Amino acid sequence: MKRRMWIRANDIVLIAPWDFKNERGDILWRYIKAHADWLAVNKYLPEGF
């Protein structure tokens, strides 16, 4: 992400791990509540999200 954004607990994000350090990565996208609900309804997320 080019801009800074707050990430809260229970947010759904896309992460790209770094090649040289497995425990770190870049956050590519943070889904808002409406988009996360759409992902769950269309079965893009596992059950329980």
PDB file of N, CA and C in Angstrom:
ATOM      1  N   MET A   1       0.849  -1.168   0.000  1.00  0.00           N
ATOM      2  CA  MET A   1       0.000   0.000   0.000  1.00  0.00           C
ATOM      3  C   MET A   1       0.892   1.227   0.000  1.00  0.00           C
ATOM      4  N   LYS A   2       0.558   2.166  -0.784  1.00  0.00           N
ATOM      5  CA  LYS A   2       1.353   3.386  -0.892  1.00  0.00           C
ATOM      6  C   LYS A   2       1.092   4.352   0.253  1.00  0.00           C
ATOM      7  N   ARG A   3      -0.068   4.245   0.875  1.00  0.00           N
ATOM      8  CA  ARG A   3      -0.400   5.162   1.959  1.00  0.00           C
ATOM      9  C   ARG A   3      -0.455   4.404   3.274  1.00  0.00           C
ATOM     10  N   ARG A   4      -0.324   5.126   4.339  1.00  0.00           N
ATOM     11  CA  ARG A   4      -0.403   4.489   5.659  1.00  0.00           C
ATOM     12  C   ARG A   4      -1.859   4.312   6.039  1.00  0.00           C
ATOM     13  N   MET A   5      -2.133   3.181   6.698  1.00  0.00           N
ATOM     14  CA  MET A   5      -3.497   2.881   7.086  1.00  0.00           C
ATOM     15  C   MET A   5      -3.459   2.076   8.373  1.00  0.00           C
ATOM     16  N   TRP A   6      -4.416   2.320   9.237  1.00  0.00           N
ATOM     17  CA  TRP A   6      -4.508   1.564  10.470  1.00  0.00           C
ATOM     18  C   TRP A   6      -5.080   0.189  10.174  1.00  0.00           C
ATOM     19  N   ILE A   7      -4.447  -0.828  10.739  1.00  0.00           N
ATOM     20  CA  ILE A   7      -4.936  -2.194  10.647  1.00  0.00           C
ATOM     21  C   ILE A   7      -5.419  -2.591  12.036  1.00  0.00           C
ATOM     22  N   ARG A   8      -6.669  -3.001  12.140  1.00  0.00           N
ATOM     23  CA  ARG A   8      -7.251  -3.366  13.425  1.00  0.00           C
ATOM     24  C   ARG A   8      -7.346  -4.878  13.550  1.00  0.00           C
ATOM     25  N   ALA A   9      -7.568  -5.334  14.761  1.00  0.00           N
ATOM     26  CA  ALA A   9      -7.801  -6.755  14.987  1.00  0.00           C
ATOM     27  C   ALA A   9      -9.030  -7.186  14.204  1.00  0.00           C
ATOM     28  N   ASN A  10      -8.991  -8.370  13.638  1.00  0.00           N
ATOM     29  CA  ASN A  10     -10.068  -8.972  12.851  1.00  0.00           C
ATOM     30  C   ASN A  10     -10.241  -8.360  11.473  1.00  0.00           C
ATOM     31  N   ASP A  11      -9.334  -7.487  11.020  1.00  0.00           N
ATOM     32  CA  ASP A  11      -9.370  -7.006   9.642  1.00  0.00           C
ATOM     33  C   ASP A  11      -8.867  -8.107   8.716  1.00  0.00           C
ATOM     34  N   ILE A  12      -9.393  -8.148   7.517  1.00  0.00           N
ATOM     35  CA  ILE A  12      -8.940  -9.108   6.514  1.00  0.00           C
ATOM     36  C   ILE A  12      -8.002  -8.367   5.569  1.00  0.00           C
ATOM     37  N   VAL A  13      -6.779  -8.876   5.438  1.00  0.00           N
ATOM     38  CA  VAL A  13      -5.766  -8.221   4.613  1.00  0.00           C
ATOM     39  C   VAL A  13      -5.096  -9.235   3.689  1.00  0.00           C
ATOM     40  N   LEU A  14      -4.553  -8.739   2.583  1.00  0.00           N
ATOM     41  CA  LEU A  14      -3.706  -9.544   1.701  1.00  0.00           C
ATOM     42  C   LEU A  14      -2.261  -9.214   2.038  1.00  0.00           C
ATOM     43  N   ILE A  15      -1.445 -10.238   2.239  1.00  0.00           N
ATOM     44  CA  ILE A  15      -0.058 -10.043   2.627  1.00  0.00           C
ATOM     45  C   ILE A  15       0.851 -10.765   1.637  1.00  0.00           C
ATOM     46  N   ALA A  16       1.920 -10.090   1.227  1.00  0.00           N
ATOM     47  CA  ALA A  16       2.943 -10.690   0.377  1.00  0.00           C
ATOM     48  C   ALA A  16       4.202 -10.865   1.234  1.00  0.00           C
ATOM     49  N   PRO A  17       4.575 -12.111   1.563  1.00  0.00           N
ATOM     50  CA  PRO A  17       5.764 -12.323   2.406  1.00  0.00           C
ATOM     51  C   PRO A  17       7.034 -11.928   1.671  1.00  0.00           C
ATOM     52  N   TRP A  18       8.009 -11.459   2.440  1.00  0.00           N
ATOM     53  CA  TRP A  18       9.307 -11.109   1.871  1.00  0.00           C
ATOM     54  C   TRP A  18      10.072 -12.380   1.552  1.00  0.00           C
ATOM     55  N   ASP A  19      10.880 -12.340   0.526  1.00  0.00           N
ATOM     56  CA  ASP A  19      11.667 -13.508   0.123  1.00  0.00           C
ATOM     57  C   ASP A  19      12.774 -13.838   1.126  1.00  0.00           C
ATOM     58  N   PHE A  20      13.364 -12.824   1.732  1.00  0.00           N
ATOM     59  CA  PHE A  20      14.534 -13.050   2.581  1.00  0.00           C
ATOM     60  C   PHE A  20      14.210 -13.159   4.064  1.00  0.00           C
ATOM     61  N   LYS A  21      13.003 -12.827   4.480  1.00  0.00           N
ATOM     62  CA  LYS A  21      12.589 -12.960   5.881  1.00  0.00           C
ATOM     63  C   LYS A  21      11.174 -13.481   5.911  1.00  0.00           C
ATOM     64  N   ASN A  22      10.996 -14.699   6.395  1.00  0.00           N
ATOM     65  CA  ASN A  22       9.677 -15.323   6.360  1.00  0.00           C
ATOM     66  C   ASN A  22       8.693 -14.724   7.350  1.00  0.00           C
ATOM     67  N   GLU A  23       9.169 -14.139   8.448  1.00  0.00           N
ATOM     68  CA  GLU A  23       8.240 -13.638   9.447  1.00  0.00           C
ATOM     69  C   GLU A  23       7.747 -12.217   9.148  1.00  0.00           C
ATOM     70  N   ARG A  24       8.186 -11.621   8.038  1.00  0.00           N
ATOM     71  CA  ARG A  24       7.755 -10.268   7.683  1.00  0.00           C
ATOM     72  C   ARG A  24       7.185 -10.244   6.273  1.00  0.00           C
ATOM     73  N   GLY A  25       6.426  -9.196   5.981  1.00  0.00           N
ATOM     74  CA  GLY A  25       5.863  -9.074   4.649  1.00  0.00           C
ATOM     75  C   GLY A  25       5.234  -7.712   4.451  1.00  0.00           C
ATOM     76  N   ASP A  26       4.729  -7.488   3.251  1.00  0.00           N
ATOM     77  CA  ASP A  26       4.054  -6.246   2.903  1.00  0.00           C
ATOM     78  C   ASP A  26       2.547  -6.477   2.887  1.00  0.00           C
ATOM     79  N   ILE A  27       1.816  -5.508   3.412  1.00  0.00           N
ATOM     80  CA  ILE A  27       0.360  -5.562   3.347  1.00  0.00           C
ATOM     81  C   ILE A  27      -0.044  -4.951   2.017  1.00  0.00           C
ATOM     82  N   LEU A  28      -0.698  -5.751   1.181  1.00  0.00           N
ATOM     83  CA  LEU A  28      -1.089  -5.292  -0.139  1.00  0.00           C
ATOM     84  C   LEU A  28      -2.453  -4.612  -0.137  1.00  0.00           C
ATOM     85  N   TRP A  29      -3.375  -5.122   0.663  1.00  0.00           N
ATOM     86  CA  TRP A  29      -4.734  -4.582   0.644  1.00  0.00           C
ATOM     87  C   TRP A  29      -5.441  -4.891   1.949  1.00  0.00           C
ATOM     88  N   ARG A  30      -6.251  -3.964   2.422  1.00  0.00           N
ATOM     89  CA  ARG A  30      -7.106  -4.170   3.588  1.00  0.00           C
ATOM     90  C   ARG A  30      -8.543  -4.061   3.134  1.00  0.00           C
ATOM     91  N   TYR A  31      -9.324  -5.103   3.403  1.00  0.00           N
ATOM     92  CA  TYR A  31     -10.723  -5.111   3.014  1.00  0.00           C
ATOM     93  C   TYR A  31     -11.575  -4.423   4.067  1.00  0.00           C
ATOM     94  N   ILE A  32     -12.500  -3.583   3.619  1.00  0.00           N
ATOM     95  CA  ILE A  32     -13.453  -2.973   4.539  1.00  0.00           C
ATOM     96  C   ILE A  32     -14.538  -4.005   4.858  1.00  0.00           C
ATOM     97  N   LYS A  33     -15.382  -3.710   5.832  1.00  0.00           N
ATOM     98  CA  LYS A  33     -16.386  -4.665   6.309  1.00  0.00           C
ATOM     99  C   LYS A  33     -17.316  -5.145   5.192  1.00  0.00           C
ATOM    100  N   ALA A  34     -17.766  -4.247   4.329  1.00  0.00           N
ATOM    101  CA  ALA A  34     -18.687  -4.630   3.249  1.00  0.00           C
ATOM    102  C   ALA A  34     -18.023  -5.594   2.276  1.00  0.00           C
ATOM    103  N   HIS A  35     -16.771  -5.352   1.946  1.00  0.00           N
ATOM    104  CA  HIS A  35     -16.055  -6.246   1.025  1.00  0.00           C
ATOM    105  C   HIS A  35     -15.765  -7.590   1.681  1.00  0.00           C
ATOM    106  N   ALA A  36     -15.452  -7.584   2.952  1.00  0.00           N
ATOM    107  CA  ALA A  36     -15.202  -8.836   3.669  1.00  0.00           C
ATOM    108  C   ALA A  36     -16.475  -9.676   3.731  1.00  0.00           C
ATOM    109  N   ASP A  37     -17.618  -9.034   3.935  1.00  0.00           N
ATOM    110  CA  ASP A  37     -18.891  -9.755   3.930  1.00  0.00           C
ATOM    111  C   ASP A  37     -19.163 -10.361   2.559  1.00  0.00           C
ATOM    112  N   TRP A  38     -18.874  -9.623   1.499  1.00  0.00           N
ATOM    113  CA  TRP A  38     -19.067 -10.129   0.141  1.00  0.00           C
ATOM    114  C   TRP A  38     -18.175 -11.343  -0.116  1.00  0.00           C
ATOM    115  N   LEU A  39     -16.927 -11.286   0.337  1.00  0.00           N
ATOM    116  CA  LEU A  39     -16.010 -12.418   0.181  1.00  0.00           C
ATOM    117  C   LEU A  39     -16.541 -13.654   0.907  1.00  0.00           C
ATOM    118  N   ALA A  40     -17.095 -13.465   2.087  1.00  0.00           N
ATOM    119  CA  ALA A  40     -17.622 -14.587   2.860  1.00  0.00           C
ATOM    120  C   ALA A  40     -18.870 -15.177   2.198  1.00  0.00           C
ATOM    121  N   VAL A  41     -19.774 -14.332   1.705  1.00  0.00           N
ATOM    122  CA  VAL A  41     -20.996 -14.802   1.068  1.00  0.00           C
ATOM    123  C   VAL A  41     -20.679 -15.590  -0.206  1.00  0.00           C
ATOM    124  N   ASN A  42     -19.690 -15.159  -0.952  1.00  0.00           N
ATOM    125  CA  ASN A  42     -19.328 -15.814  -2.206  1.00  0.00           C
ATOM    126  C   ASN A  42     -18.275 -16.911  -2.028  1.00  0.00           C
ATOM    127  N   LYS A  43     -18.037 -17.294  -0.770  1.00  0.00           N
ATOM    128  CA  LYS A  43     -17.185 -18.428  -0.406  1.00  0.00           C
ATOM    129  C   LYS A  43     -15.726 -18.278  -0.854  1.00  0.00           C
ATOM    130  N   TYR A  44     -15.214 -17.057  -0.792  1.00  0.00           N
ATOM    131  CA  TYR A  44     -13.794 -16.817  -1.027  1.00  0.00           C
ATOM    132  C   TYR A  44     -12.993 -16.924   0.279  1.00  0.00           C
ATOM    133  N   LEU A  45     -13.706 -16.949   1.414  1.00  0.00           N
ATOM    134  CA  LEU A  45     -13.087 -17.083   2.722  1.00  0.00           C
ATOM    135  C   LEU A  45     -13.517 -18.417   3.335  1.00  0.00           C
ATOM    136  N   PRO A  46     -12.668 -19.022   4.156  1.00  0.00           N
ATOM    137  CA  PRO A  46     -13.078 -20.252   4.839  1.00  0.00           C
ATOM    138  C   PRO A  46     -14.215 -19.978   5.820  1.00  0.00           C
ATOM    139  N   GLU A  47     -14.923 -21.028   6.188  1.00  0.00           N
ATOM    140  CA  GLU A  47     -16.032 -20.900   7.137  1.00  0.00           C
ATOM    141  C   GLU A  47     -15.530 -20.341   8.467  1.00  0.00           C
ATOM    142  N   GLY A  48     -16.336 -19.491   9.084  1.00  0.00           N
ATOM    143  CA  GLY A  48     -16.005 -18.948  10.389  1.00  0.00           C
ATOM    144  C   GLY A  48     -15.428 -17.543  10.356  1.00  0.00           C
ATOM    145  N   PHE A  49     -15.265 -16.950   9.190  1.00  0.00           N
ATOM    146  CA  PHE A  49     -14.754 -15.591   9.119  1.00  0.00           C
ATOM    147  C   PHE A  49     -15.872 -14.612   9.199  1.00  0.00           C
TER     148      PHE A  49
END
